[in-house]
Amino acid sequence: MKVFVVGATGQIGKHLIDLLQNSEQHTVRAMVRKKEQAEELKSQGIDVAVASLEGSVTDIAEAANGCDAIVFTAGSGGHTGLDKTMLIDLDGAAKTVEAAEQAGIKRFVIVSALQANHRENWNKEMVPYYVAKHYADRMVETSNLDYTIIRPGGLLNEASTGKVTASTNLETGSIPREDVAKTIYVALGAQQTYKKSFDLISGETKIEEALKNI
């Protein structure tokens, strides 16, 4: 598949770009907001499209044209205000769903947050973030896309272990960002993950095996 990565300059996105760029199975197109970012990625031989999640649905759809799958791993980050959380994590995700439908791209993988589907378990200090993820996921679930929603626990910059626990209901845990990227990569072609959502933390099971039981 040709995979369109939204959030390509984020930490998970960078790991995923590396995996896809070195893959014998898939190819990649990275979406970035700035021409400077595009030039840097192009210098590494990466196919790039310039578009913004604060722009139009049509702009995103045109940037993704010709791709077979979309991965949404964008986020406003911890240093922005709540307005950006709503514009990027919620409306940006919704726009990307609409863009996928407009472009005729069926495969869609989105990175959410652990327990985003259970309001009673949200981190009280991050409620607006969870609201954004919760309703973005609902948009995905009501779409006609072959979606997979991955809800990772606390994100770490530690080295990948390649082993995870994936389940519909995991109350706590953390995981290296690189292992989230590896899980996205495996999930892309794993039809048993279509129309499914699951929590993801570090564990003792290889990613390929863990996803077989979703």
C-alpha atoms as a PDB file:
ATOM      1  CA  MET A   1       0.000   0.000   0.000  1.00  0.00           C
ATOM      2  CA  LYS A   2       0.933   3.617  -0.525  1.00  0.00           C
ATOM      3  CA  VAL A   3       0.451   5.040   2.984  1.00  0.00           C
ATOM      4  CA  PHE A   4      -0.376   8.702   3.612  1.00  0.00           C
ATOM      5  CA  VAL A   5       0.965   9.704   7.030  1.00  0.00           C
ATOM      6  CA  VAL A   6      -0.702  12.647   8.778  1.00  0.00           C
ATOM      7  CA  GLY A   7       1.530  13.764  11.626  1.00  0.00           C
ATOM      8  CA  ALA A   8       4.716  12.776   9.816  1.00  0.00           C
ATOM      9  CA  THR A   9       6.909  15.173  11.810  1.00  0.00           C
ATOM     10  CA  GLY A  10       5.679  13.933  15.184  1.00  0.00           C
ATOM     11  CA  GLN A  11       7.652  11.390  17.165  1.00  0.00           C
ATOM     12  CA  ILE A  12       5.469   8.386  16.278  1.00  0.00           C
ATOM     13  CA  GLY A  13       5.176   9.676  12.736  1.00  0.00           C
ATOM     14  CA  LYS A  14       8.941   9.809  12.281  1.00  0.00           C
ATOM     15  CA  HIS A  15       9.323   6.193  13.402  1.00  0.00           C
ATOM     16  CA  LEU A  16       6.513   5.144  11.056  1.00  0.00           C
ATOM     17  CA  ILE A  17       8.028   7.030   8.109  1.00  0.00           C
ATOM     18  CA  ASP A  18      11.302   5.172   8.668  1.00  0.00           C
ATOM     19  CA  LEU A  19       9.519   1.807   8.736  1.00  0.00           C
ATOM     20  CA  LEU A  20       7.536   2.547   5.587  1.00  0.00           C
ATOM     21  CA  GLN A  21      10.470   4.071   3.727  1.00  0.00           C
ATOM     22  CA  ASN A  22      12.527   0.924   4.344  1.00  0.00           C
ATOM     23  CA  SER A  23       9.641  -1.472   3.672  1.00  0.00           C
ATOM     24  CA  GLU A  24       9.464  -3.969   0.824  1.00  0.00           C
ATOM     25  CA  GLN A  25       5.699  -4.142   1.326  1.00  0.00           C
ATOM     26  CA  HIS A  26       4.546  -0.504   1.477  1.00  0.00           C
ATOM     27  CA  THR A  27       5.521   2.961   0.279  1.00  0.00           C
ATOM     28  CA  VAL A  28       4.897   6.287   1.985  1.00  0.00           C
ATOM     29  CA  ARG A  29       3.806   9.868   1.425  1.00  0.00           C
ATOM     30  CA  ALA A  30       4.284  12.264   4.316  1.00  0.00           C
ATOM     31  CA  MET A  31       1.955  15.203   4.939  1.00  0.00           C
ATOM     32  CA  VAL A  32       3.618  18.294   6.399  1.00  0.00           C
ATOM     33  CA  ARG A  33       2.461  21.864   7.036  1.00  0.00           C
ATOM     34  CA  LYS A  34       5.533  23.811   5.959  1.00  0.00           C
ATOM     35  CA  LYS A  35       7.620  23.915   2.788  1.00  0.00           C
ATOM     36  CA  GLU A  36      10.777  23.810   4.911  1.00  0.00           C
ATOM     37  CA  GLN A  37       9.671  20.495   6.395  1.00  0.00           C
ATOM     38  CA  ALA A  38       8.872  19.216   2.928  1.00  0.00           C
ATOM     39  CA  GLU A  39      12.314  20.088   1.607  1.00  0.00           C
ATOM     40  CA  GLU A  40      13.996  18.284   4.493  1.00  0.00           C
ATOM     41  CA  LEU A  41      12.011  15.097   3.910  1.00  0.00           C
ATOM     42  CA  LYS A  42      12.436  15.282   0.146  1.00  0.00           C
ATOM     43  CA  SER A  43      16.200  15.420   0.669  1.00  0.00           C
ATOM     44  CA  GLN A  44      15.843  12.009   2.350  1.00  0.00           C
ATOM     45  CA  GLY A  45      14.027  10.604  -0.691  1.00  0.00           C
ATOM     46  CA  ILE A  46      10.579  10.731   0.923  1.00  0.00           C
ATOM     47  CA  ASP A  47       7.440  11.570  -1.079  1.00  0.00           C
ATOM     48  CA  VAL A  48       5.861  14.638   0.541  1.00  0.00           C
ATOM     49  CA  ALA A  49       2.645  16.636   0.274  1.00  0.00           C
ATOM     50  CA  VAL A  50       2.149  20.049   1.881  1.00  0.00           C
ATOM     51  CA  ALA A  51      -1.259  20.521   3.529  1.00  0.00           C
ATOM     52  CA  SER A  52      -2.645  21.702   6.856  1.00  0.00           C
ATOM     53  CA  LEU A  53      -5.183  20.147   9.207  1.00  0.00           C
ATOM     54  CA  GLU A  54      -6.470  23.677   9.687  1.00  0.00           C
ATOM     55  CA  GLY A  55      -7.044  23.957   5.928  1.00  0.00           C
ATOM     56  CA  SER A  56      -9.837  22.461   3.883  1.00  0.00           C
ATOM     57  CA  VAL A  57     -10.943  18.845   3.561  1.00  0.00           C
ATOM     58  CA  THR A  58     -10.363  19.129  -0.175  1.00  0.00           C
ATOM     59  CA  ASP A  59      -6.742  20.190   0.379  1.00  0.00           C
ATOM     60  CA  ILE A  60      -6.130  17.089   2.506  1.00  0.00           C
ATOM     61  CA  ALA A  61      -7.944  14.836   0.030  1.00  0.00           C
ATOM     62  CA  GLU A  62      -5.867  16.193  -2.859  1.00  0.00           C
ATOM     63  CA  ALA A  63      -2.657  15.676  -0.872  1.00  0.00           C
ATOM     64  CA  ALA A  64      -3.643  12.053  -0.239  1.00  0.00           C
ATOM     65  CA  ASN A  65      -4.783  11.380  -3.807  1.00  0.00           C
ATOM     66  CA  GLY A  66      -3.335   8.151  -5.168  1.00  0.00           C
ATOM     67  CA  CYS A  67      -2.669   6.631  -1.748  1.00  0.00           C
ATOM     68  CA  ASP A  68      -4.226   3.383  -0.515  1.00  0.00           C
ATOM     69  CA  ALA A  69      -4.260   4.030   3.232  1.00  0.00           C
ATOM     70  CA  ILE A  70      -4.156   6.931   5.679  1.00  0.00           C
ATOM     71  CA  VAL A  71      -2.549   6.936   9.124  1.00  0.00           C
ATOM     72  CA  PHE A  72      -3.568   9.773  11.445  1.00  0.00           C
ATOM     73  CA  THR A  73      -0.969  10.198  14.150  1.00  0.00           C
ATOM     74  CA  ALA A  74      -1.095  13.973  14.438  1.00  0.00           C
ATOM     75  CA  GLY A  75      -1.457  15.822  17.722  1.00  0.00           C
ATOM     76  CA  SER A  76      -1.326  19.400  18.915  1.00  0.00           C
ATOM     77  CA  GLY A  77       1.327  18.526  21.498  1.00  0.00           C
ATOM     78  CA  GLY A  78       1.569  19.438  25.149  1.00  0.00           C
ATOM     79  CA  HIS A  79       2.744  23.011  24.648  1.00  0.00           C
ATOM     80  CA  THR A  80      -0.294  24.442  22.876  1.00  0.00           C
ATOM     81  CA  GLY A  81      -3.616  25.710  24.151  1.00  0.00           C
ATOM     82  CA  LEU A  82      -6.924  23.897  24.225  1.00  0.00           C
ATOM     83  CA  ASP A  83      -7.918  25.625  20.984  1.00  0.00           C
ATOM     84  CA  LYS A  84      -5.229  23.691  19.102  1.00  0.00           C
ATOM     85  CA  THR A  85      -6.289  20.456  20.784  1.00  0.00           C
ATOM     86  CA  MET A  86      -9.770  20.939  19.348  1.00  0.00           C
ATOM     87  CA  LEU A  87      -8.499  22.078  15.935  1.00  0.00           C
ATOM     88  CA  ILE A  88      -5.908  19.330  15.456  1.00  0.00           C
ATOM     89  CA  ASP A  89      -6.814  16.309  17.590  1.00  0.00           C
ATOM     90  CA  LEU A  90     -10.570  16.588  16.987  1.00  0.00           C
ATOM     91  CA  ASP A  91     -11.418  18.629  13.915  1.00  0.00           C
ATOM     92  CA  GLY A  92      -8.184  17.682  12.149  1.00  0.00           C
ATOM     93  CA  ALA A  93      -9.012  14.020  12.618  1.00  0.00           C
ATOM     94  CA  ALA A  94     -12.593  14.586  11.448  1.00  0.00           C
ATOM     95  CA  LYS A  95     -11.358  16.417   8.345  1.00  0.00           C
ATOM     96  CA  THR A  96      -8.965  13.576   7.574  1.00  0.00           C
ATOM     97  CA  VAL A  97     -11.817  11.053   7.792  1.00  0.00           C
ATOM     98  CA  GLU A  98     -13.847  13.201   5.384  1.00  0.00           C
ATOM     99  CA  ALA A  99     -10.813  13.563   3.111  1.00  0.00           C
ATOM    100  CA  ALA A 100     -10.329   9.781   3.031  1.00  0.00           C
ATOM    101  CA  GLU A 101     -13.948   9.320   1.998  1.00  0.00           C
ATOM    102  CA  GLN A 102     -13.642  12.089  -0.601  1.00  0.00           C
ATOM    103  CA  ALA A 103     -10.468  10.556  -2.042  1.00  0.00           C
ATOM    104  CA  GLY A 104     -11.911   7.021  -2.048  1.00  0.00           C
ATOM    105  CA  ILE A 105      -9.300   5.721   0.412  1.00  0.00           C
ATOM    106  CA  LYS A 106     -10.792   2.943   2.552  1.00  0.00           C
ATOM    107  CA  ARG A 107      -7.963   1.906   4.891  1.00  0.00           C
ATOM    108  CA  PHE A 108      -7.607   4.249   7.870  1.00  0.00           C
ATOM    109  CA  VAL A 109      -5.553   3.882  11.044  1.00  0.00           C
ATOM    110  CA  ILE A 110      -5.798   6.464  13.827  1.00  0.00           C
ATOM    111  CA  VAL A 111      -3.754   6.836  17.018  1.00  0.00           C
ATOM    112  CA  SER A 112      -5.997   7.686  19.947  1.00  0.00           C
ATOM    113  CA  ALA A 113      -5.337   7.423  23.703  1.00  0.00           C
ATOM    114  CA  LEU A 114      -5.668   4.654  26.281  1.00  0.00           C
ATOM    115  CA  GLN A 115      -9.240   4.452  27.612  1.00  0.00           C
ATOM    116  CA  ALA A 116     -10.442   7.323  25.424  1.00  0.00           C
ATOM    117  CA  ASN A 117     -13.625   5.299  24.958  1.00  0.00           C
ATOM    118  CA  HIS A 118     -14.335   5.178  28.710  1.00  0.00           C
ATOM    119  CA  ARG A 119     -15.084   8.608  30.171  1.00  0.00           C
ATOM    120  CA  GLU A 120     -14.916   7.343  33.762  1.00  0.00           C
ATOM    121  CA  ASN A 121     -11.243   6.447  33.296  1.00  0.00           C
ATOM    122  CA  TRP A 122     -10.008   9.717  31.782  1.00  0.00           C
ATOM    123  CA  ASN A 123      -7.041  11.497  33.358  1.00  0.00           C
ATOM    124  CA  LYS A 124      -8.692  14.412  35.159  1.00  0.00           C
ATOM    125  CA  GLU A 125      -5.811  16.734  34.253  1.00  0.00           C
ATOM    126  CA  MET A 126      -6.225  16.041  30.522  1.00  0.00           C
ATOM    127  CA  VAL A 127      -9.993  15.952  30.035  1.00  0.00           C
ATOM    128  CA  PRO A 128     -10.095  18.243  26.942  1.00  0.00           C
ATOM    129  CA  TYR A 129      -7.502  16.026  25.246  1.00  0.00           C
ATOM    130  CA  TYR A 130      -9.596  12.929  25.962  1.00  0.00           C
ATOM    131  CA  VAL A 131     -12.748  14.679  24.764  1.00  0.00           C
ATOM    132  CA  ALA A 132     -10.996  15.371  21.452  1.00  0.00           C
ATOM    133  CA  LYS A 133      -9.804  11.778  21.104  1.00  0.00           C
ATOM    134  CA  HIS A 134     -13.170  10.337  22.157  1.00  0.00           C
ATOM    135  CA  TYR A 135     -15.189  12.201  19.570  1.00  0.00           C
ATOM    136  CA  ALA A 136     -12.566  11.830  16.841  1.00  0.00           C
ATOM    137  CA  ASP A 137     -12.787   8.070  17.378  1.00  0.00           C
ATOM    138  CA  ARG A 138     -16.575   8.234  17.147  1.00  0.00           C
ATOM    139  CA  MET A 139     -16.253  10.002  13.799  1.00  0.00           C
ATOM    140  CA  VAL A 140     -14.013   7.197  12.591  1.00  0.00           C
ATOM    141  CA  GLU A 141     -16.388   4.500  13.834  1.00  0.00           C
ATOM    142  CA  THR A 142     -19.398   5.991  12.063  1.00  0.00           C
ATOM    143  CA  SER A 143     -17.520   6.366   8.763  1.00  0.00           C
ATOM    144  CA  ASN A 144     -17.539   3.862   5.903  1.00  0.00           C
ATOM    145  CA  LEU A 145     -13.791   3.333   6.270  1.00  0.00           C
ATOM    146  CA  ASP A 146     -11.915   0.115   7.033  1.00  0.00           C
ATOM    147  CA  TYR A 147     -10.584   1.670  10.208  1.00  0.00           C
ATOM    148  CA  THR A 148      -8.356   0.597  13.070  1.00  0.00           C
ATOM    149  CA  ILE A 149      -8.252   2.709  16.236  1.00  0.00           C
ATOM    150  CA  ILE A 150      -5.109   2.204  18.327  1.00  0.00           C
ATOM    151  CA  ARG A 151      -5.251   3.601  21.872  1.00  0.00           C
ATOM    152  CA  PRO A 152      -1.701   3.578  23.313  1.00  0.00           C
ATOM    153  CA  GLY A 153      -0.880   4.123  26.960  1.00  0.00           C
ATOM    154  CA  GLY A 154       1.672   6.614  28.241  1.00  0.00           C
ATOM    155  CA  LEU A 155       4.155   7.321  25.460  1.00  0.00           C
ATOM    156  CA  LEU A 156       7.845   6.726  26.143  1.00  0.00           C
ATOM    157  CA  ASN A 157      11.027   7.550  24.252  1.00  0.00           C
ATOM    158  CA  GLU A 158      12.627   4.282  25.330  1.00  0.00           C
ATOM    159  CA  ALA A 159      13.954   1.707  22.881  1.00  0.00           C
ATOM    160  CA  SER A 160      11.480  -0.597  21.182  1.00  0.00           C
ATOM    161  CA  THR A 161      10.914  -4.022  22.697  1.00  0.00           C
ATOM    162  CA  GLY A 162       8.736  -5.291  19.837  1.00  0.00           C
ATOM    163  CA  LYS A 163       6.407  -6.822  22.435  1.00  0.00           C
ATOM    164  CA  VAL A 164       3.002  -5.483  23.468  1.00  0.00           C
ATOM    165  CA  THR A 165      -0.326  -6.187  25.094  1.00  0.00           C
ATOM    166  CA  ALA A 166      -3.291  -5.312  22.887  1.00  0.00           C
ATOM    167  CA  SER A 167      -6.826  -5.601  24.230  1.00  0.00           C
ATOM    168  CA  THR A 168     -10.181  -3.859  24.126  1.00  0.00           C
ATOM    169  CA  ASN A 169      -9.856  -2.765  27.759  1.00  0.00           C
ATOM    170  CA  LEU A 170      -6.522  -2.067  29.459  1.00  0.00           C
ATOM    171  CA  GLU A 171      -6.802   0.339  32.362  1.00  0.00           C
ATOM    172  CA  THR A 172      -3.193   1.509  32.681  1.00  0.00           C
ATOM    173  CA  GLY A 173       0.261   1.155  31.175  1.00  0.00           C
ATOM    174  CA  SER A 174       2.852   2.744  28.916  1.00  0.00           C
ATOM    175  CA  ILE A 175       4.658   1.953  25.671  1.00  0.00           C
ATOM    176  CA  PRO A 176       7.626   3.227  23.625  1.00  0.00           C
ATOM    177  CA  ARG A 177       6.593   5.414  20.699  1.00  0.00           C
ATOM    178  CA  GLU A 178       8.598   3.189  18.368  1.00  0.00           C
ATOM    179  CA  ASP A 179       6.450   0.202  19.347  1.00  0.00           C
ATOM    180  CA  VAL A 180       3.304   2.207  18.581  1.00  0.00           C
ATOM    181  CA  ALA A 181       4.739   2.906  15.120  1.00  0.00           C
ATOM    182  CA  LYS A 182       5.557  -0.793  14.650  1.00  0.00           C
ATOM    183  CA  THR A 183       2.004  -1.712  15.670  1.00  0.00           C
ATOM    184  CA  ILE A 184       0.583   0.724  13.111  1.00  0.00           C
ATOM    185  CA  TYR A 185       2.839  -0.810  10.471  1.00  0.00           C
ATOM    186  CA  VAL A 186       1.686  -4.352  11.247  1.00  0.00           C
ATOM    187  CA  ALA A 187      -1.972  -3.322  11.556  1.00  0.00           C
ATOM    188  CA  LEU A 188      -2.050  -1.708   8.110  1.00  0.00           C
ATOM    189  CA  GLY A 189      -2.329  -5.044   6.338  1.00  0.00           C
ATOM    190  CA  ALA A 190      -3.913  -7.063   9.143  1.00  0.00           C
ATOM    191  CA  GLN A 191      -7.532  -7.527   8.115  1.00  0.00           C
ATOM    192  CA  GLN A 192      -8.484  -8.862  11.546  1.00  0.00           C
ATOM    193  CA  THR A 193      -7.935  -5.309  12.839  1.00  0.00           C
ATOM    194  CA  TYR A 194     -10.398  -3.755  10.367  1.00  0.00           C
ATOM    195  CA  LYS A 195     -13.391  -2.087  12.077  1.00  0.00           C
ATOM    196  CA  LYS A 196     -11.683  -2.677  15.429  1.00  0.00           C
ATOM    197  CA  SER A 197     -10.325  -0.544  18.256  1.00  0.00           C
ATOM    198  CA  PHE A 198      -7.973  -1.571  21.051  1.00  0.00           C
ATOM    199  CA  ASP A 199      -5.810  -0.332  23.901  1.00  0.00           C
ATOM    200  CA  LEU A 200      -2.052  -0.869  23.552  1.00  0.00           C
ATOM    201  CA  ILE A 201       0.718  -1.051  26.155  1.00  0.00           C
ATOM    202  CA  SER A 202       4.045  -2.815  26.487  1.00  0.00           C
ATOM    203  CA  GLY A 203       3.773  -6.534  27.141  1.00  0.00           C
ATOM    204  CA  GLU A 204       5.271  -9.951  26.482  1.00  0.00           C
ATOM    205  CA  THR A 205       3.720 -10.796  23.111  1.00  0.00           C
ATOM    206  CA  LYS A 206       5.229 -10.029  19.716  1.00  0.00           C
ATOM    207  CA  ILE A 207       3.201  -7.418  17.855  1.00  0.00           C
ATOM    208  CA  GLU A 208       2.177  -9.739  15.018  1.00  0.00           C
ATOM    209  CA  GLU A 209       0.865 -12.314  17.488  1.00  0.00           C
ATOM    210  CA  ALA A 210      -0.864  -9.744  19.681  1.00  0.00           C
ATOM    211  CA  LEU A 211      -2.834  -8.379  16.727  1.00  0.00           C
ATOM    212  CA  LYS A 212      -4.000 -11.856  15.659  1.00  0.00           C
ATOM    213  CA  ASN A 213      -6.254 -11.945  18.725  1.00  0.00           C
ATOM    214  CA  ILE A 214      -7.885  -8.513  18.268  1.00  0.00           C
END
